[in-house]
Protein backbone atom coordinates (compact mmCIF):
# COMPACT_ATOMS: atom_id res chain seq x y z
CA UNK A 1 0.15 -0.08 0.17
CA UNK A 2 1.58 3.26 -1.11
CA UNK A 3 1.91 6.13 1.49
CA UNK A 4 0.73 9.45 0.42
CA UNK A 5 3.92 11.57 -0.49
CA UNK A 6 2.44 15.15 0.88
CA UNK A 7 -0.17 16.20 3.27
CA UNK A 8 -1.95 18.06 0.24
CA UNK A 9 -2.04 14.47 -1.20
CA UNK A 10 -3.58 12.80 1.68
CA UNK A 11 -6.12 15.62 2.10
CA UNK A 12 -7.03 14.84 -1.58
CA UNK A 13 -7.11 11.16 -0.71
CA UNK A 14 -9.51 11.71 2.20
CA UNK A 15 -11.91 14.24 -0.02
CA UNK A 16 -12.21 11.70 -2.92
CA UNK A 17 -13.00 8.70 -0.42
CA UNK A 18 -15.41 10.30 1.82
CA UNK A 19 -18.53 10.35 -0.37
CA UNK A 20 -18.47 6.51 -0.40
CA UNK A 21 -18.05 6.40 3.20
CA UNK A 22 -21.12 8.65 3.78
CA UNK A 23 -23.00 6.49 1.21
CA UNK A 24 -21.88 3.45 2.81
CA UNK A 25 -22.84 4.41 6.52
CA UNK A 26 -26.52 5.52 5.31
CA UNK A 27 -27.34 1.73 4.85
CA UNK A 28 -27.18 0.92 8.43
CA UNK A 29 -30.04 1.86 10.52
CA UNK A 30 -28.24 3.84 13.04
CA UNK A 31 -26.95 6.55 10.34
CA UNK A 32 -29.91 6.17 8.01
CA UNK A 33 -31.44 9.46 9.04
CA UNK A 34 -28.38 11.23 10.10
CA UNK A 35 -25.93 11.41 7.15
CA UNK A 36 -25.78 14.55 5.44
CA UNK A 37 -23.13 15.91 2.95
CA UNK A 38 -20.57 17.52 5.02
CA UNK A 39 -18.94 15.21 7.78
CA UNK A 40 -18.38 18.07 9.97
CA UNK A 41 -22.25 18.87 10.38
CA UNK A 42 -22.57 15.30 11.98
CA UNK A 43 -22.97 14.86 15.45
CA UNK A 44 -20.24 12.44 17.29
CA UNK A 45 -20.90 8.66 17.47
CA UNK A 46 -20.51 7.55 20.98
CA UNK A 47 -19.30 4.53 22.94
CA UNK A 48 -23.03 4.72 24.26
CA UNK A 49 -24.42 4.87 20.74
CA UNK A 50 -22.83 1.29 19.93
CA UNK A 51 -24.19 -0.12 23.07
CA UNK A 52 -27.51 1.30 22.37
CA UNK A 53 -27.19 -0.43 19.08
CA UNK A 54 -26.28 -3.54 19.96
CA UNK A 55 -25.92 -6.10 18.36
CA UNK A 56 -26.62 -5.41 14.75
CA UNK A 57 -27.95 -1.41 14.86
CA UNK A 58 -24.83 -0.33 13.19
CA UNK A 59 -24.84 -3.18 10.52
CA UNK A 60 -24.57 -1.92 6.44
CA UNK A 61 -24.48 -4.88 4.60
CA UNK A 62 -26.62 -8.18 4.77
CA UNK A 63 -25.45 -10.66 7.80
CA UNK A 64 -24.51 -13.04 5.01
CA UNK A 65 -21.52 -10.94 4.28
CA UNK A 66 -20.13 -10.85 7.43
CA UNK A 67 -16.68 -12.74 8.25
CA UNK A 68 -16.43 -12.54 11.83
CA UNK A 69 -18.41 -10.60 15.01
CA UNK A 70 -16.44 -9.20 17.96
CA UNK A 71 -16.66 -7.47 20.96
CA UNK A 72 -14.62 -4.90 23.01
CA UNK A 73 -12.87 -6.41 26.49
CA UNK A 74 -15.50 -3.96 28.30
CA UNK A 75 -12.69 -2.29 30.23
CA UNK A 76 -14.52 0.96 30.54
CA UNK A 77 -18.11 -0.49 30.75
CA UNK A 78 -20.39 -2.42 28.66
CA UNK A 79 -18.52 -4.13 25.68
CA UNK A 80 -19.48 -2.80 22.38
CA UNK A 81 -20.15 -4.95 19.09
CA UNK A 82 -18.06 -4.58 16.01
CA UNK A 83 -18.16 -6.45 12.96
CA UNK A 84 -16.09 -7.08 9.73
CA UNK A 85 -16.61 -8.16 6.26
CA UNK A 86 -14.02 -9.91 4.33
CA UNK A 87 -13.34 -6.73 2.50
CA UNK A 88 -12.96 -5.14 5.87
CA UNK A 89 -10.49 -7.93 6.64
CA UNK A 90 -8.24 -7.23 3.68
CA UNK A 91 -8.21 -3.78 5.33
CA UNK A 92 -7.21 -4.62 8.56
CA UNK A 93 -4.51 -6.98 7.36
CA UNK A 94 -2.88 -4.29 5.16
CA UNK A 95 -2.51 -1.75 8.34
CA UNK A 96 -1.24 -4.74 10.48
CA UNK A 97 1.55 -5.46 7.83
CA UNK A 98 2.62 -2.02 8.15
CA UNK A 99 4.95 -2.80 11.07
CA UNK A 100 8.51 -1.02 10.03
CA UNK A 101 10.37 -4.21 11.04
CA UNK A 102 8.98 -6.18 8.54
CA UNK A 103 7.10 -9.66 8.67
CA UNK A 104 7.86 -12.18 6.64
CA UNK A 105 8.19 -16.20 6.08
CA UNK A 106 11.21 -16.22 8.21
CA UNK A 107 9.34 -15.09 11.31
CA UNK A 108 7.88 -16.91 13.93
CA UNK A 109 5.40 -14.48 15.69
CA UNK A 110 4.32 -14.93 19.34
CA UNK A 111 0.81 -13.62 19.62
CA UNK A 112 0.18 -13.02 23.53
CA UNK A 113 -3.10 -10.68 23.12
CA UNK A 114 -6.87 -12.12 23.85
CA UNK A 115 -8.36 -14.05 20.82
CA UNK A 116 -11.86 -15.06 21.53
CA UNK A 117 -14.32 -12.19 21.11
CA UNK A 118 -11.74 -9.36 20.94
CA UNK A 119 -10.07 -8.24 17.50
CA UNK A 120 -6.57 -7.87 18.59
CA UNK A 121 -5.23 -11.63 18.83
CA UNK A 122 -6.96 -12.45 15.55
CA UNK A 123 -5.85 -9.39 13.45
CA UNK A 124 -2.12 -10.23 14.53
CA UNK A 125 -2.78 -13.93 13.16
CA UNK A 126 -4.25 -12.98 10.02
CA UNK A 127 -1.75 -10.11 9.32
CA UNK A 128 1.20 -12.51 10.06
CA UNK A 129 -0.07 -15.51 8.12
CA UNK A 130 -0.73 -13.18 5.07
CA UNK A 131 3.03 -12.23 5.15
CA UNK A 132 3.96 -15.79 5.46
CA UNK A 133 5.08 -15.91 8.98
CA UNK A 134 4.72 -18.56 11.33
CA UNK A 135 2.08 -17.77 14.22
CA UNK A 136 2.38 -19.30 17.79
CA UNK A 137 -1.38 -18.52 19.26
CA UNK A 138 -0.49 -17.84 23.00
CA UNK A 139 -3.42 -16.12 24.23
CA UNK A 140 -3.16 -14.02 27.42
CA UNK A 141 -6.36 -15.03 28.76
CA UNK A 142 -5.83 -18.70 28.83
CA UNK A 143 -5.10 -20.68 31.62
CA UNK A 144 -3.40 -23.14 28.81
CA UNK A 145 -0.22 -20.74 28.35
CA UNK A 146 0.87 -19.41 31.67
CA UNK A 147 3.98 -17.34 32.00
CA UNK A 148 6.08 -20.31 31.96
CA UNK A 149 4.86 -21.89 29.12
CA UNK A 150 5.48 -18.43 27.32
CA UNK A 151 9.06 -18.19 28.48
CA UNK A 152 9.60 -22.21 26.95
CA UNK A 153 7.81 -21.01 23.75
CA UNK A 154 10.02 -17.98 23.24
CA UNK A 155 13.28 -19.86 23.65
CA UNK A 156 12.76 -23.19 22.37
CA UNK A 157 10.66 -21.98 19.21
CA UNK A 158 13.35 -19.41 18.45
CA UNK A 159 10.61 -16.80 18.28
CA UNK A 160 11.45 -13.59 16.28
CA UNK A 161 8.32 -11.40 17.10
CA UNK A 162 6.03 -10.96 19.76
CA UNK A 163 2.77 -9.36 19.90
CA UNK A 164 1.40 -8.18 23.39
CA UNK A 165 0.59 -5.45 25.66
CA UNK A 166 3.83 -3.78 27.05
CA UNK A 167 3.58 -5.22 30.58
CA UNK A 168 3.67 -8.38 29.28
CA UNK A 169 7.16 -8.46 28.24
CA UNK A 170 7.98 -7.51 31.84
CA UNK A 171 6.18 -10.29 33.22
CA UNK A 172 8.15 -12.39 30.64
CA UNK A 173 11.72 -11.08 31.64
CA UNK A 174 10.40 -11.88 35.25
CA UNK A 175 9.46 -15.59 34.67
CA UNK A 176 12.65 -16.25 32.18
CA UNK A 177 14.80 -15.16 35.29
CA UNK A 178 12.91 -17.79 37.36
CA UNK A 179 13.50 -20.14 34.90
CA UNK A 180 17.38 -19.68 34.85
CA UNK A 181 17.63 -17.73 31.60
CA UNK A 182 18.24 -14.55 30.86
CA UNK A 183 16.38 -11.79 28.99
CA UNK A 184 18.60 -10.56 26.30
CA UNK A 185 20.98 -13.26 26.20
CA UNK A 186 19.39 -16.49 25.96
CA UNK A 187 16.63 -15.65 23.45
CA UNK A 188 19.10 -14.35 20.63
CA UNK A 189 16.16 -14.88 17.60
CA UNK A 190 14.07 -12.37 19.21
CA UNK A 191 14.57 -9.38 16.83
CA UNK A 192 11.56 -6.94 17.87
CA UNK A 193 8.65 -6.54 20.59
CA UNK A 194 5.31 -5.32 18.74
CA UNK A 195 3.15 -3.78 21.67
CA UNK A 196 -0.04 -2.28 21.76
CA UNK A 197 -2.99 -1.86 24.24
CA UNK A 198 -1.87 0.41 26.95
CA UNK A 199 -0.37 4.00 27.03
CA UNK A 200 3.64 3.67 26.80
CA UNK A 201 5.69 5.82 28.62
CA UNK A 202 9.17 6.55 27.07
CA UNK A 203 11.04 5.20 30.24
CA UNK A 204 8.95 2.03 30.39
CA UNK A 205 9.63 1.59 26.48
CA UNK A 206 13.60 2.23 27.29
CA UNK A 207 13.60 -0.43 29.87
CA UNK A 208 11.59 -3.11 27.84
CA UNK A 209 14.31 -2.59 25.02
CA UNK A 210 17.30 -2.79 27.41
CA UNK A 211 16.07 -5.91 29.08
CA UNK A 212 15.44 -7.93 25.93
CA UNK A 213 18.05 -6.06 23.75
CA UNK A 214 15.49 -5.86 21.10
CA UNK A 215 13.62 -2.64 19.69
CA UNK A 216 10.16 -2.04 21.08
CA UNK A 217 7.70 -1.09 18.35
CA UNK A 218 4.35 0.48 19.17
CA UNK A 219 0.92 0.46 17.37
CA UNK A 220 -2.12 1.79 17.93
CA UNK A 221 -5.91 0.57 17.81
CA UNK A 222 -9.22 -0.16 19.00
CA UNK A 223 -11.82 -3.24 18.55
CA UNK A 224 -13.96 -0.89 16.82
CA UNK A 225 -11.89 0.38 14.32
CA UNK A 226 -8.86 -2.20 13.94
CA UNK A 227 -5.22 -0.36 13.97
CA UNK A 228 -5.34 3.43 13.63
CA UNK A 229 -1.76 3.93 14.15
CA UNK A 230 2.01 2.59 13.69
CA UNK A 231 5.44 3.40 14.35
CA UNK A 232 7.67 4.68 11.51
CA UNK A 233 11.42 3.53 11.57
CA UNK A 234 12.72 6.90 13.03
CA UNK A 235 10.44 5.91 16.35
CA UNK A 236 7.27 8.52 15.31
CA UNK A 237 3.91 6.88 15.93
CA UNK A 238 1.87 7.95 12.76
CA UNK A 239 -1.96 8.07 12.30
CA UNK A 240 -3.06 5.89 9.39
CA UNK A 241 -4.71 9.25 7.80
CA UNK A 242 -5.01 7.60 4.38
CA UNK A 243 -7.11 4.95 5.97
CA UNK A 244 -9.12 7.30 7.99
CA UNK A 245 -10.15 10.85 9.02
CA UNK A 246 -8.97 12.00 12.39
CA UNK A 247 -10.12 14.66 14.32
CA UNK A 248 -9.38 15.92 17.92
CA UNK A 249 -12.03 17.22 20.38
CA UNK A 250 -11.36 19.60 23.05
CA UNK A 251 -13.76 18.29 26.08
CA UNK A 252 -13.65 21.77 27.93
CA UNK A 253 -15.02 23.89 24.99
CA UNK A 254 -16.28 20.96 22.46
CA UNK A 255 -14.34 22.53 19.81
CA UNK A 256 -13.06 19.89 17.44
CA UNK A 257 -10.00 20.69 15.48
CA UNK A 258 -7.68 18.28 12.95
CA UNK A 259 -5.01 18.42 14.91
CA UNK A 260 -3.77 19.27 18.84
CA UNK A 261 -4.55 18.09 22.02
CA UNK A 262 -7.67 16.38 23.40
CA UNK A 263 -9.41 13.23 22.75
CA UNK A 264 -9.42 11.36 19.44
CA UNK A 265 -12.45 11.23 16.88
CA UNK A 266 -12.03 9.01 14.04
CA UNK A 267 -14.10 8.43 10.70
CA UNK A 268 -12.74 4.85 8.96
CA UNK A 269 -12.70 5.46 4.93
CA UNK A 270 -12.80 1.81 4.38
CA UNK A 271 -14.86 0.29 6.50
CA UNK A 272 -18.14 -2.04 4.65
CA UNK A 273 -19.80 -4.00 7.31
CA UNK A 274 -19.67 -1.24 10.12
CA UNK A 275 -18.98 2.15 9.03
CA UNK A 276 -18.63 4.70 11.76
CA UNK A 277 -18.55 8.44 11.33
CA UNK A 278 -17.00 10.51 13.79
CA UNK A 279 -16.33 7.79 16.45
CA UNK A 280 -15.30 9.40 19.71
CA UNK A 281 -12.85 6.73 21.10
CA UNK A 282 -12.33 9.03 24.26
CA UNK A 283 -8.46 8.20 24.34
CA UNK A 284 -6.65 11.45 25.33
CA UNK A 285 -3.98 12.48 22.29
CA UNK A 286 -1.72 14.94 20.98
CA UNK A 287 -1.89 15.16 17.06
CA UNK A 288 0.43 16.91 15.13
CA UNK A 289 1.16 17.40 11.10
CA UNK A 290 5.04 17.63 10.59
CA UNK A 291 7.54 16.58 8.23
CA UNK A 292 9.08 13.17 9.57
CA UNK A 293 12.36 11.69 8.38
CA UNK A 294 10.60 8.80 7.31
CA UNK A 295 8.92 10.46 4.32
CA UNK A 296 5.59 9.53 5.38
CA UNK A 297 3.08 12.38 4.65
CA UNK A 298 0.70 11.26 7.68
CA UNK A 299 0.21 13.28 11.21
CA UNK A 300 2.13 11.97 14.31
CA UNK A 301 0.44 10.91 17.27
CA UNK A 302 0.99 10.83 21.19
CA UNK A 303 -1.44 8.62 22.83
CA UNK A 304 -1.68 9.57 26.70
CA UNK A 305 -4.59 7.46 27.81
CA UNK A 306 -8.09 7.67 29.22
CA UNK A 307 -9.16 11.20 30.49
CA UNK A 308 -9.31 9.98 34.07
CA UNK A 309 -6.14 8.15 33.67
CA UNK A 310 -2.86 9.89 35.26
CA UNK A 311 -0.74 6.59 35.26
CA UNK A 312 1.47 6.88 32.17
CA UNK A 313 2.99 10.03 33.87
CA UNK A 314 3.49 8.20 36.96
CA UNK A 315 4.84 5.21 35.35
CA UNK A 316 7.64 7.19 33.36
CA UNK A 317 8.93 8.23 36.65
CA UNK A 318 8.79 5.00 38.18
CA UNK A 319 11.08 3.79 35.39
CA UNK A 320 13.28 6.61 35.37
CA UNK A 321 14.74 4.79 38.36
CA UNK A 322 18.15 3.28 37.43
CA UNK A 323 17.98 -0.07 35.74
CA UNK A 324 20.24 -1.61 38.54
CA UNK A 325 17.41 -1.29 41.16
CA UNK A 326 15.59 -3.94 39.42
CA UNK A 327 12.07 -2.07 39.40
CA UNK A 328 9.66 -3.74 37.00
CA UNK A 329 6.62 -4.03 38.87
CA UNK A 330 4.50 -1.08 40.87
CA UNK A 331 1.02 0.13 41.91
CA UNK A 332 -0.13 3.33 43.19
CA UNK A 333 -3.41 3.89 45.34
CA UNK A 334 -4.66 7.59 45.91
CA UNK A 335 -5.11 8.75 49.13
CA UNK A 336 -6.67 11.66 50.91
CA UNK A 337 -3.54 12.91 51.72
CA UNK A 338 -1.34 12.22 48.78
CA UNK A 339 -0.01 9.01 46.96
CA UNK A 340 0.81 5.57 48.40
CA UNK A 341 3.26 3.76 45.98
CA UNK A 342 4.84 0.22 46.15
CA UNK A 343 7.65 -1.00 43.91
CA UNK A 344 9.61 -4.25 43.83
CA UNK A 345 13.18 -3.59 44.21
CA UNK A 346 16.37 -5.39 44.96
CA UNK A 347 17.19 -5.53 48.35
CA UNK A 348 20.40 -3.60 48.04
CA UNK A 349 18.81 -0.43 46.33
CA UNK A 350 15.40 -0.63 48.08
CA UNK A 351 16.34 2.44 50.36
CA UNK A 352 17.75 4.34 47.63
CA UNK A 353 14.91 3.51 45.02
CA UNK A 354 12.11 4.68 47.61
CA UNK A 355 13.80 7.82 48.31
CA UNK A 356 14.62 9.00 44.73
CA UNK A 357 11.11 7.89 43.71
CA UNK A 358 9.35 9.84 46.68
CA UNK A 359 11.61 13.04 45.49
CA UNK A 360 10.84 12.76 41.77
CA UNK A 361 6.82 11.88 42.62
CA UNK A 362 6.46 15.02 44.95
CA UNK A 363 8.37 17.22 42.79
CA UNK A 364 6.25 16.56 39.87
CA UNK A 365 2.84 16.25 41.58
CA UNK A 366 3.29 18.47 44.70
CA UNK A 367 1.76 15.84 46.72
CA UNK A 368 2.63 13.62 49.95
CA UNK A 369 3.95 10.24 49.00
CA UNK A 370 4.71 7.20 50.69
CA UNK A 371 6.96 4.66 49.14
CA UNK A 372 7.33 1.13 50.10
CA UNK A 373 10.13 -0.84 48.33
CA UNK A 374 9.13 -4.47 48.61
CA UNK A 375 10.93 -7.43 47.89
CA UNK A 376 10.97 -9.04 44.45
CA UNK A 377 8.28 -11.40 44.34
CA UNK A 378 5.67 -9.15 46.76
CA UNK A 379 3.31 -7.75 43.75
CA UNK A 380 3.98 -10.73 41.19
CA UNK A 381 4.64 -13.89 43.40
CA UNK A 382 6.65 -16.38 41.67
CA UNK A 383 4.12 -18.86 41.63
CA UNK A 384 2.29 -16.60 39.08
CA UNK A 385 5.50 -16.87 36.84
CA UNK A 386 6.27 -20.62 37.16
CA UNK A 387 2.88 -22.27 37.26
CA UNK A 388 2.48 -24.99 34.71
CA UNK A 389 -0.91 -24.81 32.62
CA UNK A 390 -3.72 -26.25 34.79
CA UNK A 391 -6.02 -27.49 31.48
CA UNK A 392 -8.43 -30.31 31.57
CA UNK A 393 -11.31 -31.69 29.19
CA UNK A 394 -14.84 -32.03 30.83
CA UNK A 395 -15.25 -35.36 32.44
CA UNK A 396 -17.64 -36.90 34.34
CA UNK A 397 -16.05 -39.78 36.38
CA UNK A 398 -13.37 -39.06 39.01
CA UNK A 399 -11.37 -41.24 41.59
CA UNK A 400 -11.49 -41.02 45.25
CA UNK A 401 -8.70 -38.60 45.64
CA UNK A 402 -9.75 -36.24 42.55
CA UNK A 403 -11.05 -32.54 43.18
CA UNK A 404 -14.31 -33.52 41.26
CA UNK A 405 -15.31 -29.54 41.76
CA UNK A 406 -13.54 -29.36 38.15
CA UNK A 407 -16.06 -31.55 36.36
CA UNK A 408 -17.47 -30.11 33.05
CA UNK A 409 -15.26 -27.46 33.22
CA UNK A 410 -12.19 -26.16 31.39
CA UNK A 411 -9.66 -24.79 33.59
């Protein structure tokens, strides 16, 4: 897929495609009486609208043309439906395959994001297969692939690429150490860690890359839309504005602009089964139109998380602690008088880690902070990292010394 060479060319591409997008949307029950000629005259489509339209109120093609049905994880409320035709899947795959590190027949991609009803694992698998790669489906919602199994697969199968939440890679590093393996040394085939699904601070990204001695490549998207942005070879996250129109909502004023800081609004341009017009995702972003050394005439984006989520900025301070302190895991709680933060740190550096983090957080937030530096294994117990799979098929007959409470259920 050829990228636009200039921002003017990008604008023309969007303008040329928009009439077909509006016409497709008019075929769905939700948009039938809402669509006009000017996109900017339309109200925003919200997650509440998608929930109210459950399950097929957004459908714009006959049911016979659907290829897959999905639902979001529901992390911010009731799950929303999304569905894709075969043509929609061609678009999803093409966007995933834009990874600048490349995906090819010599690659083995370990997919450690949810399958089931969510989209992310299925997109990664389809995209990798389309590029000729081997896929290892290590779904992170299945008891059949605990962390010890993931580490074994990474090592024994010479996995070259992984697809996961950023935090997953830290858990793998801890599990590898529990197994007597060294991240960054005993996994020589690993050439990149592909991540998405949570805001990623620069300090955490650098720590992951340092641990695994492999570049971290970020993507951004949603179940309702598929991939929306990808990273160029120069480390800039670019919105796929040749596949969608992006806008930024200022939640304070209600003003909507093509760039700036605010909440992301997206109109996919090549969506057939479930067109979305001015869909308000709700993620806080900062969008800029500027030249990039990669040559892509696509806007740059910084994803800052949900509007009420301050954890990415706090996480940046946690991972600025020196690597030798051994801090991989942390948690924080808001208190009436300030913040309580717990970190795991090597015993030798525990006091230094607590003092340094307290000073930086108090300076940044002007609040009282209580830091507790706990021994490794306090926040992520070793049993979580070393447990084997506990999976059995449903059965009816058990021996006297067996746990028959597991009858008829998968674990």
